[in-house]
């Protein structure tokens, strides 16, 4: 059995609605679902790795602008800098 993590929501009728369609899964007819959800007492700030969506969008926009303007570096240079630390 393989696993894939996706996000979604539960509608008013209790149906699971995925945020994005599952790519390459057209031949599957049945799946096993484990639903994880936050309890009311938990807040979004509890997860230090959960970057706000607006911050992610801004970062991606900056990266695309840098790439379009040629402000990029070869990946080998970046790895060399990481290995030097």
PDB file of N, CA and C in Angstrom:
ATOM      1  N   UNK A   1       0.839  -1.173   0.000  1.00  0.00           N
ATOM      2  CA  UNK A   1       0.000   0.000   0.000  1.00  0.00           C
ATOM      3  C   UNK A   1       0.887   1.240   0.000  1.00  0.00           C
ATOM      4  N   UNK A   2       0.539   2.226  -0.799  1.00  0.00           N
ATOM      5  CA  UNK A   2       1.264   3.488  -0.865  1.00  0.00           C
ATOM      6  C   UNK A   2       0.469   4.557  -0.135  1.00  0.00           C
ATOM      7  N   UNK A   3       1.143   5.640   0.252  1.00  0.00           N
ATOM      8  CA  UNK A   3       0.487   6.744   0.952  1.00  0.00           C
ATOM      9  C   UNK A   3       0.748   8.050   0.231  1.00  0.00           C
ATOM     10  N   UNK A   4      -0.195   8.954   0.337  1.00  0.00           N
ATOM     11  CA  UNK A   4      -0.080  10.289  -0.246  1.00  0.00           C
ATOM     12  C   UNK A   4      -0.773  11.247   0.708  1.00  0.00           C
ATOM     13  N   UNK A   5      -0.129  12.372   0.986  1.00  0.00           N
ATOM     14  CA  UNK A   5      -0.761  13.366   1.855  1.00  0.00           C
ATOM     15  C   UNK A   5      -1.391  14.447   1.001  1.00  0.00           C
ATOM     16  N   UNK A   6      -2.672  14.710   1.240  1.00  0.00           N
ATOM     17  CA  UNK A   6      -3.401  15.755   0.532  1.00  0.00           C
ATOM     18  C   UNK A   6      -4.234  16.517   1.561  1.00  0.00           C
ATOM     19  N   UNK A   7      -4.733  17.664   1.168  1.00  0.00           N
ATOM     20  CA  UNK A   7      -5.596  18.439   2.052  1.00  0.00           C
ATOM     21  C   UNK A   7      -6.982  18.552   1.433  1.00  0.00           C
ATOM     22  N   UNK A   8      -7.934  18.859   2.246  1.00  0.00           N
ATOM     23  CA  UNK A   8      -9.300  18.996   1.764  1.00  0.00           C
ATOM     24  C   UNK A   8     -10.187  19.527   2.869  1.00  0.00           C
ATOM     25  N   UNK A   9     -11.470  19.386   2.663  1.00  0.00           N
ATOM     26  CA  UNK A   9     -12.430  19.845   3.656  1.00  0.00           C
ATOM     27  C   UNK A   9     -13.615  18.881   3.670  1.00  0.00           C
ATOM     28  N   UNK A  10     -14.409  18.979   4.694  1.00  0.00           N
ATOM     29  CA  UNK A  10     -15.623  18.188   4.815  1.00  0.00           C
ATOM     30  C   UNK A  10     -16.795  19.127   4.553  1.00  0.00           C
ATOM     31  N   UNK A  11     -17.665  18.768   3.594  1.00  0.00           N
ATOM     32  CA  UNK A  11     -18.802  19.641   3.302  1.00  0.00           C
ATOM     33  C   UNK A  11     -19.946  19.383   4.287  1.00  0.00           C
ATOM     34  N   UNK A  12     -21.038  20.107   4.128  1.00  0.00           N
ATOM     35  CA  UNK A  12     -22.167  20.030   5.062  1.00  0.00           C
ATOM     36  C   UNK A  12     -22.795  18.635   5.109  1.00  0.00           C
ATOM     37  N   UNK A  13     -22.636  17.855   4.050  1.00  0.00           N
ATOM     38  CA  UNK A  13     -23.194  16.503   4.016  1.00  0.00           C
ATOM     39  C   UNK A  13     -22.211  15.455   4.537  1.00  0.00           C
ATOM     40  N   UNK A  14     -21.008  15.900   4.960  1.00  0.00           N
ATOM     41  CA  UNK A  14     -20.017  14.965   5.480  1.00  0.00           C
ATOM     42  C   UNK A  14     -19.123  14.346   4.419  1.00  0.00           C
ATOM     43  N   UNK A  15     -19.183  14.862   3.198  1.00  0.00           N
ATOM     44  CA  UNK A  15     -18.342  14.348   2.113  1.00  0.00           C
ATOM     45  C   UNK A  15     -16.964  14.990   2.160  1.00  0.00           C
ATOM     46  N   UNK A  16     -15.946  14.218   1.857  1.00  0.00           N
ATOM     47  CA  UNK A  16     -14.579  14.716   1.792  1.00  0.00           C
ATOM     48  C   UNK A  16     -14.353  15.335   0.419  1.00  0.00           C
ATOM     49  N   UNK A  17     -13.962  16.608   0.389  1.00  0.00           N
ATOM     50  CA  UNK A  17     -13.685  17.332  -0.848  1.00  0.00           C
ATOM     51  C   UNK A  17     -12.202  17.678  -0.840  1.00  0.00           C
ATOM     52  N   UNK A  18     -11.439  17.131  -1.788  1.00  0.00           N
ATOM     53  CA  UNK A  18     -10.005  17.406  -1.846  1.00  0.00           C
ATOM     54  C   UNK A  18      -9.761  18.775  -2.453  1.00  0.00           C
ATOM     55  N   UNK A  19      -8.696  19.450  -1.976  1.00  0.00           N
ATOM     56  CA  UNK A  19      -8.348  20.768  -2.498  1.00  0.00           C
ATOM     57  C   UNK A  19      -7.894  20.691  -3.953  1.00  0.00           C
ATOM     58  N   UNK A  20      -7.221  19.627  -4.324  1.00  0.00           N
ATOM     59  CA  UNK A  20      -6.712  19.437  -5.684  1.00  0.00           C
ATOM     60  C   UNK A  20      -7.022  18.015  -6.120  1.00  0.00           C
ATOM     61  N   UNK A  21      -7.270  17.790  -7.422  1.00  0.00           N
ATOM     62  CA  UNK A  21      -7.491  16.413  -7.883  1.00  0.00           C
ATOM     63  C   UNK A  21      -6.214  15.580  -7.746  1.00  0.00           C
ATOM     64  N   UNK A  22      -6.369  14.296  -7.533  1.00  0.00           N
ATOM     65  CA  UNK A  22      -5.230  13.387  -7.447  1.00  0.00           C
ATOM     66  C   UNK A  22      -4.762  13.071  -8.857  1.00  0.00           C
ATOM     67  N   UNK A  23      -3.529  13.430  -9.171  1.00  0.00           N
ATOM     68  CA  UNK A  23      -2.976  13.218 -10.502  1.00  0.00           C
ATOM     69  C   UNK A  23      -2.492  11.780 -10.645  1.00  0.00           C
ATOM     70  N   UNK A  24      -2.770  11.163 -11.780  1.00  0.00           N
ATOM     71  CA  UNK A  24      -2.281   9.821 -12.068  1.00  0.00           C
ATOM     72  C   UNK A  24      -2.974   8.738 -11.276  1.00  0.00           C
ATOM     73  N   UNK A  25      -4.134   9.009 -10.759  1.00  0.00           N
ATOM     74  CA  UNK A  25      -4.836   8.027  -9.938  1.00  0.00           C
ATOM     75  C   UNK A  25      -6.141   7.567 -10.586  1.00  0.00           C
ATOM     76  N   UNK A  26      -6.313   7.815 -11.873  1.00  0.00           N
ATOM     77  CA  UNK A  26      -7.576   7.500 -12.541  1.00  0.00           C
ATOM     78  C   UNK A  26      -7.887   6.008 -12.523  1.00  0.00           C
ATOM     79  N   UNK A  27      -6.868   5.150 -12.445  1.00  0.00           N
ATOM     80  CA  UNK A  27      -7.104   3.709 -12.477  1.00  0.00           C
ATOM     81  C   UNK A  27      -7.481   3.142 -11.105  1.00  0.00           C
ATOM     82  N   UNK A  28      -7.390   3.942 -10.053  1.00  0.00           N
ATOM     83  CA  UNK A  28      -7.754   3.478  -8.716  1.00  0.00           C
ATOM     84  C   UNK A  28      -9.254   3.644  -8.497  1.00  0.00           C
ATOM     85  N   UNK A  29      -9.880   2.655  -7.910  1.00  0.00           N
ATOM     86  CA  UNK A  29     -11.305   2.766  -7.646  1.00  0.00           C
ATOM     87  C   UNK A  29     -11.612   2.880  -6.157  1.00  0.00           C
ATOM     88  N   UNK A  30     -10.734   2.342  -5.305  1.00  0.00           N
ATOM     89  CA  UNK A  30     -10.961   2.407  -3.866  1.00  0.00           C
ATOM     90  C   UNK A  30      -9.692   2.866  -3.177  1.00  0.00           C
ATOM     91  N   UNK A  31      -9.879   3.641  -2.124  1.00  0.00           N
ATOM     92  CA  UNK A  31      -8.757   4.131  -1.334  1.00  0.00           C
ATOM     93  C   UNK A  31      -9.101   3.992   0.138  1.00  0.00           C
ATOM     94  N   UNK A  32      -8.098   4.037   0.980  1.00  0.00           N
ATOM     95  CA  UNK A  32      -8.288   4.059   2.429  1.00  0.00           C
ATOM     96  C   UNK A  32      -7.962   5.477   2.872  1.00  0.00           C
ATOM     97  N   UNK A  33      -8.798   6.059   3.712  1.00  0.00           N
ATOM     98  CA  UNK A  33      -8.651   7.455   4.115  1.00  0.00           C
ATOM     99  C   UNK A  33      -8.489   7.536   5.625  1.00  0.00           C
ATOM    100  N   UNK A  34      -7.473   8.273   6.063  1.00  0.00           N
ATOM    101  CA  UNK A  34      -7.295   8.603   7.476  1.00  0.00           C
ATOM    102  C   UNK A  34      -7.468  10.116   7.564  1.00  0.00           C
ATOM    103  N   UNK A  35      -8.419  10.566   8.340  1.00  0.00           N
ATOM    104  CA  UNK A  35      -8.704  11.992   8.437  1.00  0.00           C
ATOM    105  C   UNK A  35      -8.063  12.546   9.704  1.00  0.00           C
ATOM    106  N   UNK A  36      -7.197  13.553   9.548  1.00  0.00           N
ATOM    107  CA  UNK A  36      -6.577  14.252  10.667  1.00  0.00           C
ATOM    108  C   UNK A  36      -7.171  15.653  10.722  1.00  0.00           C
ATOM    109  N   UNK A  37      -7.549  16.081  11.899  1.00  0.00           N
ATOM    110  CA  UNK A  37      -8.132  17.415  12.022  1.00  0.00           C
ATOM    111  C   UNK A  37      -7.710  18.043  13.330  1.00  0.00           C
ATOM    112  N   UNK A  38      -7.691  19.361  13.359  1.00  0.00           N
ATOM    113  CA  UNK A  38      -7.341  20.100  14.566  1.00  0.00           C
ATOM    114  C   UNK A  38      -8.545  20.160  15.486  1.00  0.00           C
ATOM    115  N   UNK A  39      -8.290  19.970  16.771  1.00  0.00           N
ATOM    116  CA  UNK A  39      -9.358  20.134  17.738  1.00  0.00           C
ATOM    117  C   UNK A  39      -9.597  21.620  17.943  1.00  0.00           C
ATOM    118  N   UNK A  40     -10.740  21.968  18.459  1.00  0.00           N
ATOM    119  CA  UNK A  40     -11.096  23.380  18.637  1.00  0.00           C
ATOM    120  C   UNK A  40     -10.101  24.123  19.509  1.00  0.00           C
ATOM    121  N   UNK A  41      -9.439  23.447  20.442  1.00  0.00           N
ATOM    122  CA  UNK A  41      -8.516  24.117  21.347  1.00  0.00           C
ATOM    123  C   UNK A  41      -7.184  24.446  20.687  1.00  0.00           C
ATOM    124  N   UNK A  42      -6.887  23.789  19.558  1.00  0.00           N
ATOM    125  CA  UNK A  42      -5.621  24.040  18.873  1.00  0.00           C
ATOM    126  C   UNK A  42      -5.760  25.260  17.964  1.00  0.00           C
ATOM    127  N   UNK A  43      -4.670  25.984  17.785  1.00  0.00           N
ATOM    128  CA  UNK A  43      -4.668  27.111  16.862  1.00  0.00           C
ATOM    129  C   UNK A  43      -3.638  26.864  15.781  1.00  0.00           C
ATOM    130  N   UNK A  44      -3.752  27.582  14.698  1.00  0.00           N
ATOM    131  CA  UNK A  44      -2.822  27.416  13.584  1.00  0.00           C
ATOM    132  C   UNK A  44      -1.396  27.768  13.990  1.00  0.00           C
ATOM    133  N   UNK A  45      -1.224  28.621  14.988  1.00  0.00           N
ATOM    134  CA  UNK A  45       0.103  29.026  15.417  1.00  0.00           C
ATOM    135  C   UNK A  45       0.853  27.899  16.136  1.00  0.00           C
ATOM    136  N   UNK A  46       0.164  26.806  16.452  1.00  0.00           N
ATOM    137  CA  UNK A  46       0.805  25.701  17.162  1.00  0.00           C
ATOM    138  C   UNK A  46       1.908  25.049  16.346  1.00  0.00           C
ATOM    139  N   UNK A  47       1.829  25.099  15.023  1.00  0.00           N
ATOM    140  CA  UNK A  47       2.798  24.431  14.159  1.00  0.00           C
ATOM    141  C   UNK A  47       3.831  25.443  13.675  1.00  0.00           C
ATOM    142  N   UNK A  48       5.069  25.368  14.186  1.00  0.00           N
ATOM    143  CA  UNK A  48       6.089  26.346  13.782  1.00  0.00           C
ATOM    144  C   UNK A  48       6.498  26.212  12.317  1.00  0.00           C
ATOM    145  N   UNK A  49       6.184  25.078  11.686  1.00  0.00           N
ATOM    146  CA  UNK A  49       6.540  24.881  10.276  1.00  0.00           C
ATOM    147  C   UNK A  49       5.442  25.335   9.327  1.00  0.00           C
ATOM    148  N   UNK A  50       4.326  25.794   9.847  1.00  0.00           N
ATOM    149  CA  UNK A  50       3.187  26.187   9.020  1.00  0.00           C
ATOM    150  C   UNK A  50       3.325  27.650   8.614  1.00  0.00           C
ATOM    151  N   UNK A  51       3.963  27.886   7.479  1.00  0.00           N
ATOM    152  CA  UNK A  51       4.175  29.238   6.973  1.00  0.00           C
ATOM    153  C   UNK A  51       2.862  29.778   6.415  1.00  0.00           C
ATOM    154  N   UNK A  52       2.497  31.006   6.747  1.00  0.00           N
ATOM    155  CA  UNK A  52       1.251  31.585   6.222  1.00  0.00           C
ATOM    156  C   UNK A  52       1.240  31.593   4.693  1.00  0.00           C
ATOM    157  N   UNK A  53       0.076  31.353   4.125  1.00  0.00           N
ATOM    158  CA  UNK A  53      -0.078  31.254   2.669  1.00  0.00           C
ATOM    159  C   UNK A  53       0.395  32.530   1.976  1.00  0.00           C
ATOM    160  N   UNK A  54       0.056  33.679   2.509  1.00  0.00           N
ATOM    161  CA  UNK A  54       0.459  34.944   1.878  1.00  0.00           C
ATOM    162  C   UNK A  54       1.977  35.076   1.831  1.00  0.00           C
ATOM    163  N   UNK A  55       2.664  34.611   2.870  1.00  0.00           N
ATOM    164  CA  UNK A  55       4.124  34.660   2.886  1.00  0.00           C
ATOM    165  C   UNK A  55       4.717  33.724   1.830  1.00  0.00           C
ATOM    166  N   UNK A  56       4.132  32.562   1.678  1.00  0.00           N
ATOM    167  CA  UNK A  56       4.591  31.612   0.656  1.00  0.00           C
ATOM    168  C   UNK A  56       4.380  32.196  -0.735  1.00  0.00           C
ATOM    169  N   UNK A  57       3.198  32.777  -0.977  1.00  0.00           N
ATOM    170  CA  UNK A  57       2.915  33.381  -2.286  1.00  0.00           C
ATOM    171  C   UNK A  57       3.899  34.507  -2.600  1.00  0.00           C
ATOM    172  N   UNK A  58       4.190  35.353  -1.620  1.00  0.00           N
ATOM    173  CA  UNK A  58       5.130  36.461  -1.825  1.00  0.00           C
ATOM    174  C   UNK A  58       6.524  35.928  -2.147  1.00  0.00           C
ATOM    175  N   UNK A  59       6.945  34.873  -1.453  1.00  0.00           N
ATOM    176  CA  UNK A  59       8.260  34.281  -1.696  1.00  0.00           C
ATOM    177  C   UNK A  59       8.340  33.690  -3.098  1.00  0.00           C
ATOM    178  N   UNK A  60       7.295  32.999  -3.519  1.00  0.00           N
ATOM    179  CA  UNK A  60       7.278  32.415  -4.867  1.00  0.00           C
ATOM    180  C   UNK A  60       7.293  33.505  -5.941  1.00  0.00           C
ATOM    181  N   UNK A  61       6.569  34.588  -5.685  1.00  0.00           N
ATOM    182  CA  UNK A  61       6.541  35.696  -6.631  1.00  0.00           C
ATOM    183  C   UNK A  61       7.934  36.323  -6.774  1.00  0.00           C
ATOM    184  N   UNK A  62       8.630  36.526  -5.628  1.00  0.00           N
ATOM    185  CA  UNK A  62       9.995  37.072  -5.668  1.00  0.00           C
ATOM    186  C   UNK A  62      10.928  36.131  -6.434  1.00  0.00           C
ATOM    187  N   UNK A  63      10.818  34.839  -6.171  1.00  0.00           N
ATOM    188  CA  UNK A  63      11.683  33.864  -6.833  1.00  0.00           C
ATOM    189  C   UNK A  63      11.455  33.863  -8.334  1.00  0.00           C
ATOM    190  N   UNK A  64      10.193  33.963  -8.767  1.00  0.00           N
ATOM    191  CA  UNK A  64       9.894  33.996 -10.195  1.00  0.00           C
ATOM    192  C   UNK A  64      10.458  35.260 -10.835  1.00  0.00           C
ATOM    193  N   UNK A  65      10.332  36.398 -10.162  1.00  0.00           N
ATOM    194  CA  UNK A  65      10.879  37.647 -10.683  1.00  0.00           C
ATOM    195  C   UNK A  65      12.400  37.575 -10.784  1.00  0.00           C
ATOM    196  N   UNK A  66      13.046  36.980  -9.779  1.00  0.00           N
ATOM    197  CA  UNK A  66      14.501  36.834  -9.808  1.00  0.00           C
ATOM    198  C   UNK A  66      14.931  35.933 -10.965  1.00  0.00           C
ATOM    199  N   UNK A  67      14.194  34.864 -11.192  1.00  0.00           N
ATOM    200  CA  UNK A  67      14.536  33.945 -12.273  1.00  0.00           C
ATOM    201  C   UNK A  67      14.369  34.637 -13.624  1.00  0.00           C
ATOM    202  N   UNK A  68      13.285  35.373 -13.789  1.00  0.00           N
ATOM    203  CA  UNK A  68      13.031  36.070 -15.050  1.00  0.00           C
ATOM    204  C   UNK A  68      14.097  37.128 -15.335  1.00  0.00           C
ATOM    205  N   UNK A  69      14.632  37.767 -14.286  1.00  0.00           N
ATOM    206  CA  UNK A  69      15.631  38.822 -14.482  1.00  0.00           C
ATOM    207  C   UNK A  69      17.059  38.271 -14.472  1.00  0.00           C
ATOM    208  N   UNK A  70      17.204  36.953 -14.398  1.00  0.00           N
ATOM    209  CA  UNK A  70      18.530  36.344 -14.456  1.00  0.00           C
ATOM    210  C   UNK A  70      19.298  36.389 -13.154  1.00  0.00           C
ATOM    211  N   UNK A  71      18.627  36.672 -12.071  1.00  0.00           N
ATOM    212  CA  UNK A  71      19.293  36.742 -10.763  1.00  0.00           C
ATOM    213  C   UNK A  71      19.301  35.362 -10.099  1.00  0.00           C
ATOM    214  N   UNK A  72      19.889  34.408 -10.781  1.00  0.00           N
ATOM    215  CA  UNK A  72      19.945  33.045 -10.250  1.00  0.00           C
ATOM    216  C   UNK A  72      21.392  32.593 -10.143  1.00  0.00           C
ATOM    217  N   UNK A  73      21.602  31.519  -9.399  1.00  0.00           N
ATOM    218  CA  UNK A  73      22.937  30.937  -9.244  1.00  0.00           C
ATOM    219  C   UNK A  73      22.849  29.451  -9.550  1.00  0.00           C
ATOM    220  N   UNK A  74      23.920  28.880 -10.055  1.00  0.00           N
ATOM    221  CA  UNK A  74      23.914  27.434 -10.288  1.00  0.00           C
ATOM    222  C   UNK A  74      23.751  26.694  -8.970  1.00  0.00           C
ATOM    223  N   UNK A  75      23.010  25.611  -8.990  1.00  0.00           N
ATOM    224  CA  UNK A  75      22.770  24.839  -7.774  1.00  0.00           C
ATOM    225  C   UNK A  75      24.076  24.335  -7.173  1.00  0.00           C
ATOM    226  N   UNK A  76      25.067  24.044  -8.013  1.00  0.00           N
ATOM    227  CA  UNK A  76      26.349  23.559  -7.500  1.00  0.00           C
ATOM    228  C   UNK A  76      27.006  24.610  -6.606  1.00  0.00           C
ATOM    229  N   UNK A  77      26.843  25.896  -6.945  1.00  0.00           N
ATOM    230  CA  UNK A  77      27.405  26.965  -6.122  1.00  0.00           C
ATOM    231  C   UNK A  77      26.719  27.008  -4.764  1.00  0.00           C
ATOM    232  N   UNK A  78      25.412  26.823  -4.759  1.00  0.00           N
ATOM    233  CA  UNK A  78      24.684  26.823  -3.499  1.00  0.00           C
ATOM    234  C   UNK A  78      25.098  25.648  -2.625  1.00  0.00           C
ATOM    235  N   UNK A  79      25.259  24.462  -3.224  1.00  0.00           N
ATOM    236  CA  UNK A  79      25.694  23.301  -2.450  1.00  0.00           C
ATOM    237  C   UNK A  79      27.089  23.511  -1.893  1.00  0.00           C
ATOM    238  N   UNK A  80      27.987  24.128  -2.670  1.00  0.00           N
ATOM    239  CA  UNK A  80      29.334  24.386  -2.192  1.00  0.00           C
ATOM    240  C   UNK A  80      29.292  25.309  -0.959  1.00  0.00           C
ATOM    241  N   UNK A  81      28.403  26.294  -0.972  1.00  0.00           N
ATOM    242  CA  UNK A  81      28.289  27.193   0.164  1.00  0.00           C
ATOM    243  C   UNK A  81      27.727  26.450   1.386  1.00  0.00           C
ATOM    244  N   UNK A  82      26.777  25.542   1.163  1.00  0.00           N
ATOM    245  CA  UNK A  82      26.220  24.769   2.274  1.00  0.00           C
ATOM    246  C   UNK A  82      27.278  23.843   2.861  1.00  0.00           C
ATOM    247  N   UNK A  83      28.042  23.169   2.002  1.00  0.00           N
ATOM    248  CA  UNK A  83      29.061  22.239   2.459  1.00  0.00           C
ATOM    249  C   UNK A  83      30.203  22.948   3.197  1.00  0.00           C
ATOM    250  N   UNK A  84      30.442  24.215   2.852  1.00  0.00           N
ATOM    251  CA  UNK A  84      31.513  24.967   3.482  1.00  0.00           C
ATOM    252  C   UNK A  84      31.183  25.318   4.934  1.00  0.00           C
ATOM    253  N   UNK A  85      29.896  25.374   5.231  1.00  0.00           N
ATOM    254  CA  UNK A  85      29.470  25.735   6.598  1.00  0.00           C
ATOM    255  C   UNK A  85      29.620  24.566   7.462  1.00  0.00           C
TER     256      UNK A  85
END
